[in-house]
């Protein structure tokens, strides 16, 4: 297989080297790693093997570099669907912080009362999992030694 040596200027080399370790998006870090490996003279198949990707994916990265440079490599046009609840995130956060819920059904009732949007508990659960700061916390019993009862244990 022919080697595609990626031609980068010194500034681009510094950017690729820095972003393959420190870019906030893991997807872009992987792309920069592939660019660095190709720049070092590895074949596309070997770069794909090292990065844990398929060779056609590496080929798409090469095409992105050829057409758009590093900006083309950084671009990632994946966007998920945006739900109606996203517009009310601040109000939902305030409501659930002021009065935490125990179940998805309680959260559903609160969200419907607060926003006027009726959603199923599974949809509410998915929304809360996706938003940072909304996590289900498991509560457990406080263990106490067998020879003491709870009031004695609390006093100690």
N, C-alpha and C. Protein backbone atom coordinates (compact mmCIF):
# COMPACT_ATOMS: atom_id res chain seq x y z
N UNK A 1 0.85 -1.18 0.00
CA UNK A 1 0.00 0.00 0.00
C UNK A 1 0.89 1.24 0.00
N UNK A 2 0.48 2.24 -0.73
CA UNK A 2 1.25 3.47 -0.84
C UNK A 2 1.13 4.29 0.44
N UNK A 3 2.21 4.94 0.77
CA UNK A 3 2.24 5.79 1.95
C UNK A 3 1.79 7.18 1.55
N UNK A 4 0.86 7.72 2.29
CA UNK A 4 0.41 9.10 2.06
C UNK A 4 1.01 9.94 3.16
N UNK A 5 2.07 10.63 2.84
CA UNK A 5 2.72 11.49 3.83
C UNK A 5 1.98 12.81 3.85
N UNK A 6 1.38 13.12 4.97
CA UNK A 6 0.60 14.33 5.12
C UNK A 6 1.54 15.52 5.19
N UNK A 7 1.37 16.45 4.27
CA UNK A 7 2.23 17.63 4.22
C UNK A 7 1.62 18.72 5.09
N UNK A 8 2.28 19.02 6.21
CA UNK A 8 1.82 20.06 7.12
C UNK A 8 2.91 21.09 7.32
N UNK A 9 2.51 22.34 7.46
CA UNK A 9 3.49 23.38 7.78
C UNK A 9 3.90 23.20 9.25
N UNK A 10 4.92 23.95 9.66
CA UNK A 10 5.38 23.84 11.04
C UNK A 10 4.31 24.26 12.03
N UNK A 11 3.57 25.32 11.68
CA UNK A 11 2.48 25.76 12.56
C UNK A 11 1.40 24.69 12.67
N UNK A 12 1.05 24.08 11.54
CA UNK A 12 0.04 23.03 11.55
C UNK A 12 0.52 21.82 12.34
N UNK A 13 1.81 21.51 12.24
CA UNK A 13 2.37 20.39 13.00
C UNK A 13 2.24 20.65 14.50
N UNK A 14 2.51 21.88 14.92
CA UNK A 14 2.38 22.22 16.34
C UNK A 14 0.92 22.10 16.80
N UNK A 15 0.00 22.56 15.95
CA UNK A 15 -1.42 22.50 16.29
C UNK A 15 -1.87 21.05 16.40
N UNK A 16 -1.50 20.21 15.42
CA UNK A 16 -1.89 18.80 15.43
C UNK A 16 -1.29 18.10 16.65
N UNK A 17 -0.04 18.38 16.94
CA UNK A 17 0.62 17.74 18.08
C UNK A 17 -0.04 18.14 19.39
N UNK A 18 -0.44 19.41 19.51
CA UNK A 18 -1.08 19.87 20.74
C UNK A 18 -2.51 19.33 20.85
N UNK A 19 -3.26 19.35 19.75
CA UNK A 19 -4.67 18.96 19.81
C UNK A 19 -4.89 17.45 19.87
N UNK A 20 -3.90 16.66 19.51
CA UNK A 20 -4.11 15.22 19.60
C UNK A 20 -4.11 14.74 21.05
N UNK A 21 -3.63 15.60 21.96
CA UNK A 21 -3.65 15.26 23.38
C UNK A 21 -4.62 16.11 24.19
N UNK A 22 -4.85 17.36 23.75
CA UNK A 22 -5.54 18.28 24.64
C UNK A 22 -6.85 18.86 24.10
N UNK A 23 -7.29 18.45 22.94
CA UNK A 23 -8.56 18.98 22.44
C UNK A 23 -9.71 18.47 23.31
N UNK A 24 -10.71 19.31 23.61
CA UNK A 24 -11.79 18.88 24.50
C UNK A 24 -12.68 17.76 23.93
N UNK A 25 -12.73 17.60 22.62
CA UNK A 25 -13.57 16.58 22.01
C UNK A 25 -12.73 15.36 21.67
N UNK A 26 -13.11 14.20 22.19
CA UNK A 26 -12.35 12.97 21.96
C UNK A 26 -12.33 12.59 20.48
N UNK A 27 -13.39 12.90 19.77
CA UNK A 27 -13.46 12.59 18.35
C UNK A 27 -12.39 13.37 17.57
N UNK A 28 -12.24 14.64 17.90
CA UNK A 28 -11.23 15.47 17.22
C UNK A 28 -9.83 15.02 17.63
N UNK A 29 -9.64 14.62 18.90
CA UNK A 29 -8.33 14.11 19.32
C UNK A 29 -7.93 12.89 18.50
N UNK A 30 -8.89 11.99 18.25
CA UNK A 30 -8.59 10.81 17.46
C UNK A 30 -8.24 11.19 16.02
N UNK A 31 -8.95 12.18 15.47
CA UNK A 31 -8.64 12.63 14.10
C UNK A 31 -7.24 13.22 14.04
N UNK A 32 -6.87 13.99 15.06
CA UNK A 32 -5.54 14.60 15.08
C UNK A 32 -4.46 13.54 15.25
N UNK A 33 -4.76 12.48 16.00
CA UNK A 33 -3.80 11.38 16.13
C UNK A 33 -3.56 10.74 14.77
N UNK A 34 -4.63 10.51 14.03
CA UNK A 34 -4.49 9.92 12.69
C UNK A 34 -3.68 10.85 11.80
N UNK A 35 -3.95 12.15 11.87
CA UNK A 35 -3.19 13.11 11.06
C UNK A 35 -1.71 13.07 11.43
N UNK A 36 -1.43 12.95 12.72
CA UNK A 36 -0.03 12.90 13.17
C UNK A 36 0.65 11.63 12.67
N UNK A 37 -0.05 10.50 12.75
CA UNK A 37 0.52 9.24 12.29
C UNK A 37 0.80 9.27 10.79
N UNK A 38 -0.14 9.85 10.02
CA UNK A 38 0.08 9.95 8.58
C UNK A 38 1.22 10.91 8.27
N UNK A 39 1.34 11.96 9.06
CA UNK A 39 2.42 12.92 8.87
C UNK A 39 3.78 12.27 9.15
N UNK A 40 3.80 11.30 10.08
CA UNK A 40 5.04 10.60 10.41
C UNK A 40 5.41 9.53 9.39
N UNK A 41 4.54 9.30 8.41
CA UNK A 41 4.88 8.39 7.32
C UNK A 41 4.27 7.00 7.42
N UNK A 42 3.33 6.77 8.30
CA UNK A 42 2.68 5.47 8.38
C UNK A 42 1.66 5.33 7.26
N UNK A 43 1.35 4.10 6.93
CA UNK A 43 0.33 3.85 5.92
C UNK A 43 -1.04 4.09 6.54
N UNK A 44 -2.05 4.22 5.69
CA UNK A 44 -3.41 4.42 6.20
C UNK A 44 -3.88 3.23 7.01
N UNK A 45 -3.53 2.03 6.56
CA UNK A 45 -3.94 0.82 7.27
C UNK A 45 -3.30 0.76 8.66
N UNK A 46 -2.02 1.10 8.75
CA UNK A 46 -1.33 1.06 10.04
C UNK A 46 -1.87 2.16 10.97
N UNK A 47 -2.13 3.34 10.43
CA UNK A 47 -2.71 4.43 11.23
C UNK A 47 -4.08 4.04 11.74
N UNK A 48 -4.88 3.37 10.89
CA UNK A 48 -6.20 2.91 11.30
C UNK A 48 -6.09 1.88 12.42
N UNK A 49 -5.14 0.98 12.30
CA UNK A 49 -4.94 -0.06 13.32
C UNK A 49 -4.54 0.56 14.66
N UNK A 50 -3.64 1.53 14.63
CA UNK A 50 -3.18 2.17 15.87
C UNK A 50 -4.32 2.96 16.52
N UNK A 51 -5.09 3.68 15.71
CA UNK A 51 -6.16 4.52 16.25
C UNK A 51 -7.43 3.74 16.57
N UNK A 52 -7.49 2.47 16.16
CA UNK A 52 -8.68 1.67 16.42
C UNK A 52 -9.82 2.01 15.49
N UNK A 53 -9.51 2.39 14.27
CA UNK A 53 -10.51 2.78 13.28
C UNK A 53 -10.42 1.85 12.08
N UNK A 54 -11.34 2.01 11.16
CA UNK A 54 -11.25 1.26 9.91
C UNK A 54 -10.48 2.09 8.88
N UNK A 55 -9.95 1.41 7.87
CA UNK A 55 -9.20 2.13 6.86
C UNK A 55 -10.05 3.12 6.08
N UNK A 56 -11.32 2.79 5.75
CA UNK A 56 -12.15 3.79 5.07
C UNK A 56 -12.37 5.06 5.91
N UNK A 57 -12.43 4.91 7.23
CA UNK A 57 -12.58 6.08 8.09
C UNK A 57 -11.35 6.97 7.99
N UNK A 58 -10.17 6.33 8.01
CA UNK A 58 -8.93 7.10 7.84
C UNK A 58 -8.91 7.76 6.47
N UNK A 59 -9.41 7.08 5.47
CA UNK A 59 -9.48 7.65 4.12
C UNK A 59 -10.37 8.90 4.11
N UNK A 60 -11.49 8.86 4.86
CA UNK A 60 -12.35 10.05 4.96
C UNK A 60 -11.63 11.19 5.66
N UNK A 61 -10.83 10.88 6.67
CA UNK A 61 -10.04 11.92 7.35
C UNK A 61 -9.04 12.55 6.38
N UNK A 62 -8.40 11.72 5.55
CA UNK A 62 -7.46 12.23 4.55
C UNK A 62 -8.18 13.14 3.57
N UNK A 63 -9.37 12.74 3.13
CA UNK A 63 -10.15 13.58 2.21
C UNK A 63 -10.54 14.89 2.89
N UNK A 64 -10.85 14.85 4.17
CA UNK A 64 -11.19 16.08 4.89
C UNK A 64 -10.00 17.02 4.98
N UNK A 65 -8.81 16.47 5.18
CA UNK A 65 -7.60 17.31 5.24
C UNK A 65 -7.32 17.90 3.87
N UNK A 66 -7.49 17.09 2.83
CA UNK A 66 -7.22 17.59 1.48
C UNK A 66 -8.16 18.72 1.08
N UNK A 67 -9.42 18.61 1.45
CA UNK A 67 -10.39 19.62 1.02
C UNK A 67 -10.46 20.82 1.95
N UNK A 68 -10.35 20.60 3.25
CA UNK A 68 -10.55 21.72 4.18
C UNK A 68 -9.41 22.00 5.12
N UNK A 69 -8.30 21.29 5.00
CA UNK A 69 -7.18 21.51 5.91
C UNK A 69 -7.54 21.03 7.32
N UNK A 70 -6.92 21.63 8.32
CA UNK A 70 -7.17 21.23 9.70
C UNK A 70 -8.59 21.59 10.15
N UNK A 71 -9.13 22.68 9.62
CA UNK A 71 -10.50 23.03 9.96
C UNK A 71 -11.48 21.98 9.44
N UNK A 72 -11.19 21.43 8.26
CA UNK A 72 -12.02 20.35 7.72
C UNK A 72 -11.91 19.10 8.56
N UNK A 73 -10.74 18.88 9.16
CA UNK A 73 -10.54 17.73 10.01
C UNK A 73 -11.24 17.91 11.37
N UNK A 74 -11.26 19.13 11.86
CA UNK A 74 -11.91 19.42 13.14
C UNK A 74 -13.42 19.37 13.06
N UNK A 75 -13.98 19.64 11.89
CA UNK A 75 -15.43 19.72 11.75
C UNK A 75 -16.05 18.36 11.98
N UNK A 76 -17.10 18.35 12.77
CA UNK A 76 -17.82 17.12 13.01
C UNK A 76 -19.28 17.47 13.00
N UNK A 77 -19.98 17.17 11.92
CA UNK A 77 -21.33 17.64 11.70
C UNK A 77 -22.42 16.79 12.32
N UNK A 78 -22.13 16.07 13.38
CA UNK A 78 -23.13 15.23 14.00
C UNK A 78 -23.88 16.06 15.04
N UNK A 79 -25.19 16.11 14.89
CA UNK A 79 -26.04 16.78 15.86
C UNK A 79 -27.21 15.88 16.16
N UNK A 80 -27.50 15.76 17.42
CA UNK A 80 -28.63 14.95 17.81
C UNK A 80 -29.91 15.77 17.76
N UNK A 81 -31.02 15.11 17.86
CA UNK A 81 -32.28 15.85 17.86
C UNK A 81 -32.40 16.67 19.15
N UNK A 82 -32.98 17.83 19.03
CA UNK A 82 -33.18 18.71 20.18
C UNK A 82 -34.64 18.62 20.59
N UNK A 83 -34.88 18.25 21.83
CA UNK A 83 -36.24 18.09 22.31
C UNK A 83 -36.82 19.40 22.82
N UNK A 84 -38.11 19.39 23.09
CA UNK A 84 -38.80 20.57 23.61
C UNK A 84 -38.36 20.89 25.04
N UNK A 85 -37.92 19.88 25.79
CA UNK A 85 -37.54 20.09 27.18
C UNK A 85 -36.25 20.90 27.31
N UNK A 86 -35.42 20.91 26.28
CA UNK A 86 -34.14 21.62 26.33
C UNK A 86 -34.36 23.12 26.53
N UNK A 87 -35.44 23.66 25.99
CA UNK A 87 -35.72 25.09 26.14
C UNK A 87 -36.05 25.44 27.59
N UNK A 88 -36.45 24.46 28.38
CA UNK A 88 -36.84 24.71 29.77
C UNK A 88 -35.82 24.19 30.76
N UNK A 89 -34.59 23.94 30.34
CA UNK A 89 -33.58 23.32 31.20
C UNK A 89 -33.35 24.10 32.49
N UNK A 90 -33.26 25.42 32.41
CA UNK A 90 -33.00 26.23 33.60
C UNK A 90 -34.15 26.11 34.60
N UNK A 91 -35.37 26.22 34.13
CA UNK A 91 -36.52 26.11 35.02
C UNK A 91 -36.61 24.71 35.64
N UNK A 92 -36.29 23.69 34.85
CA UNK A 92 -36.32 22.32 35.36
C UNK A 92 -35.25 22.13 36.42
N UNK A 93 -34.06 22.67 36.17
CA UNK A 93 -32.97 22.56 37.14
C UNK A 93 -33.36 23.22 38.46
N UNK A 94 -33.94 24.41 38.39
CA UNK A 94 -34.36 25.11 39.62
C UNK A 94 -35.43 24.31 40.36
N UNK A 95 -36.41 23.78 39.63
CA UNK A 95 -37.50 23.04 40.26
C UNK A 95 -36.99 21.76 40.92
N UNK A 96 -36.11 21.04 40.25
CA UNK A 96 -35.62 19.78 40.81
C UNK A 96 -34.58 20.00 41.90
N UNK A 97 -33.91 21.13 41.90
CA UNK A 97 -32.98 21.45 42.97
C UNK A 97 -33.75 21.84 44.22
N UNK A 98 -34.81 22.62 44.05
CA UNK A 98 -35.61 23.06 45.19
C UNK A 98 -36.38 21.89 45.81
N UNK A 99 -36.88 21.01 44.97
CA UNK A 99 -37.67 19.87 45.47
C UNK A 99 -37.26 18.61 44.71
N UNK A 100 -36.23 17.89 45.20
CA UNK A 100 -35.77 16.68 44.50
C UNK A 100 -36.85 15.61 44.45
N UNK A 101 -36.78 14.79 43.43
CA UNK A 101 -37.76 13.73 43.24
C UNK A 101 -37.10 12.38 43.47
N UNK A 102 -37.94 11.36 43.71
CA UNK A 102 -37.41 10.02 43.95
C UNK A 102 -37.58 9.11 42.75
N UNK A 103 -38.60 9.36 41.95
CA UNK A 103 -38.88 8.46 40.84
C UNK A 103 -39.04 9.26 39.55
N UNK A 104 -38.99 8.54 38.44
CA UNK A 104 -39.20 9.19 37.15
C UNK A 104 -40.65 9.67 37.01
N UNK A 105 -41.57 8.97 37.66
CA UNK A 105 -42.98 9.38 37.61
C UNK A 105 -43.16 10.74 38.32
N UNK A 106 -42.49 10.92 39.46
CA UNK A 106 -42.56 12.20 40.16
C UNK A 106 -41.94 13.31 39.30
N UNK A 107 -40.81 12.99 38.67
CA UNK A 107 -40.16 13.97 37.80
C UNK A 107 -41.08 14.34 36.64
N UNK A 108 -41.79 13.36 36.10
CA UNK A 108 -42.71 13.60 35.00
C UNK A 108 -43.82 14.56 35.42
N UNK A 109 -44.37 14.33 36.60
CA UNK A 109 -45.43 15.21 37.11
C UNK A 109 -44.91 16.63 37.31
N UNK A 110 -43.72 16.75 37.91
CA UNK A 110 -43.16 18.09 38.14
C UNK A 110 -42.88 18.81 36.83
N UNK A 111 -42.33 18.09 35.86
CA UNK A 111 -42.01 18.72 34.57
C UNK A 111 -43.28 19.15 33.85
N UNK A 112 -44.32 18.32 33.93
CA UNK A 112 -45.57 18.70 33.27
C UNK A 112 -46.18 19.93 33.95
N UNK A 113 -46.11 19.96 35.27
CA UNK A 113 -46.66 21.11 36.00
C UNK A 113 -45.84 22.37 35.69
N UNK A 114 -44.51 22.24 35.62
CA UNK A 114 -43.62 23.38 35.45
C UNK A 114 -43.61 23.90 34.01
N UNK A 115 -43.58 22.98 33.02
CA UNK A 115 -43.41 23.40 31.62
C UNK A 115 -44.68 23.27 30.79
N UNK A 116 -45.62 22.45 31.22
CA UNK A 116 -46.82 22.23 30.44
C UNK A 116 -46.64 21.17 29.36
N UNK A 117 -45.47 20.54 29.32
CA UNK A 117 -45.19 19.50 28.32
C UNK A 117 -45.40 18.14 28.96
N UNK A 118 -46.26 17.34 28.37
CA UNK A 118 -46.53 16.01 28.90
C UNK A 118 -45.60 15.01 28.20
N UNK A 119 -44.78 14.35 28.99
CA UNK A 119 -43.84 13.35 28.47
C UNK A 119 -43.98 12.07 29.28
N UNK A 120 -43.61 10.96 28.69
CA UNK A 120 -43.62 9.68 29.37
C UNK A 120 -42.41 9.60 30.31
N UNK A 121 -42.48 8.78 31.37
CA UNK A 121 -41.35 8.66 32.30
C UNK A 121 -40.05 8.23 31.61
N UNK A 122 -40.14 7.39 30.57
CA UNK A 122 -38.91 6.99 29.88
C UNK A 122 -38.25 8.17 29.17
N UNK A 123 -39.06 9.06 28.59
CA UNK A 123 -38.51 10.24 27.93
C UNK A 123 -37.88 11.19 28.95
N UNK A 124 -38.55 11.36 30.09
CA UNK A 124 -38.02 12.23 31.15
C UNK A 124 -36.72 11.66 31.69
N UNK A 125 -36.68 10.35 31.90
CA UNK A 125 -35.47 9.69 32.39
C UNK A 125 -34.31 9.89 31.42
N UNK A 126 -34.57 9.74 30.13
CA UNK A 126 -33.53 9.94 29.12
C UNK A 126 -33.05 11.38 29.12
N UNK A 127 -33.96 12.34 29.23
CA UNK A 127 -33.59 13.75 29.27
C UNK A 127 -32.72 14.05 30.49
N UNK A 128 -33.12 13.53 31.64
CA UNK A 128 -32.36 13.80 32.86
C UNK A 128 -30.99 13.15 32.85
N UNK A 129 -30.86 11.99 32.21
CA UNK A 129 -29.56 11.35 32.10
C UNK A 129 -28.61 12.14 31.20
N UNK A 130 -29.17 12.76 30.16
CA UNK A 130 -28.35 13.49 29.19
C UNK A 130 -27.88 14.84 29.74
N UNK A 131 -28.65 15.44 30.62
CA UNK A 131 -28.29 16.76 31.16
C UNK A 131 -27.29 16.60 32.30
N UNK A 132 -26.21 17.39 32.29
CA UNK A 132 -25.24 17.30 33.37
C UNK A 132 -25.85 17.80 34.69
N UNK A 133 -25.55 17.09 35.76
CA UNK A 133 -26.04 17.49 37.07
C UNK A 133 -27.31 16.78 37.49
N UNK A 134 -27.98 16.13 36.55
CA UNK A 134 -29.19 15.38 36.89
C UNK A 134 -28.81 13.91 36.90
N UNK A 135 -28.63 13.36 38.05
CA UNK A 135 -28.31 11.95 38.14
C UNK A 135 -29.12 11.30 39.22
N UNK A 136 -29.44 10.04 39.01
CA UNK A 136 -30.17 9.31 40.03
C UNK A 136 -29.17 8.85 41.07
N UNK A 137 -29.48 9.12 42.32
CA UNK A 137 -28.60 8.72 43.41
C UNK A 137 -29.28 7.63 44.21
N UNK A 138 -28.54 6.62 44.46
CA UNK A 138 -29.08 5.49 45.20
C UNK A 138 -28.93 5.77 46.69
N UNK A 139 -30.00 5.61 47.43
CA UNK A 139 -29.94 5.81 48.88
C UNK A 139 -29.91 4.45 49.55
N UNK A 140 -29.16 4.39 50.62
CA UNK A 140 -29.05 3.13 51.34
C UNK A 140 -29.22 3.37 52.82
N UNK A 141 -29.34 2.30 53.56
CA UNK A 141 -29.52 2.39 54.99
C UNK A 141 -28.16 2.60 55.66
N UNK A 142 -28.17 3.33 56.77
CA UNK A 142 -26.93 3.52 57.53
C UNK A 142 -26.73 2.26 58.37
N UNK A 143 -25.60 1.59 58.21
CA UNK A 143 -25.40 0.37 58.99
C UNK A 143 -25.10 0.72 60.45
N UNK A 144 -25.64 -0.03 61.36
CA UNK A 144 -25.33 0.17 62.77
C UNK A 144 -24.94 -1.18 63.36
N UNK A 145 -24.06 -1.15 64.34
CA UNK A 145 -23.62 -2.42 64.95
C UNK A 145 -24.80 -3.18 65.53
N UNK A 146 -24.73 -4.49 65.56
CA UNK A 146 -25.87 -5.29 66.00
C UNK A 146 -26.21 -5.13 67.49
N UNK A 147 -25.27 -4.67 68.31
CA UNK A 147 -25.53 -4.60 69.74
C UNK A 147 -26.15 -3.28 70.17
N UNK A 148 -26.22 -2.30 69.27
CA UNK A 148 -26.82 -1.02 69.62
C UNK A 148 -28.01 -0.75 68.71
N UNK A 149 -28.91 0.06 69.19
CA UNK A 149 -30.02 0.44 68.33
C UNK A 149 -29.71 1.80 67.69
N UNK A 150 -30.55 2.27 66.81
CA UNK A 150 -30.29 3.46 66.02
C UNK A 150 -30.09 4.73 66.86
N UNK A 151 -30.92 5.03 67.87
CA UNK A 151 -30.68 6.24 68.66
C UNK A 151 -29.33 6.23 69.38
N UNK A 152 -28.92 5.06 69.91
CA UNK A 152 -27.61 4.95 70.55
C UNK A 152 -26.49 5.15 69.55
N UNK A 153 -26.67 4.57 68.38
CA UNK A 153 -25.66 4.69 67.31
C UNK A 153 -25.51 6.16 66.87
N UNK A 154 -26.62 6.88 66.75
CA UNK A 154 -26.56 8.28 66.35
C UNK A 154 -25.89 9.12 67.42
N UNK A 155 -26.19 8.85 68.70
CA UNK A 155 -25.55 9.58 69.80
C UNK A 155 -24.04 9.43 69.78
N UNK A 156 -23.58 8.24 69.48
CA UNK A 156 -22.13 7.98 69.46
C UNK A 156 -21.51 8.71 68.30
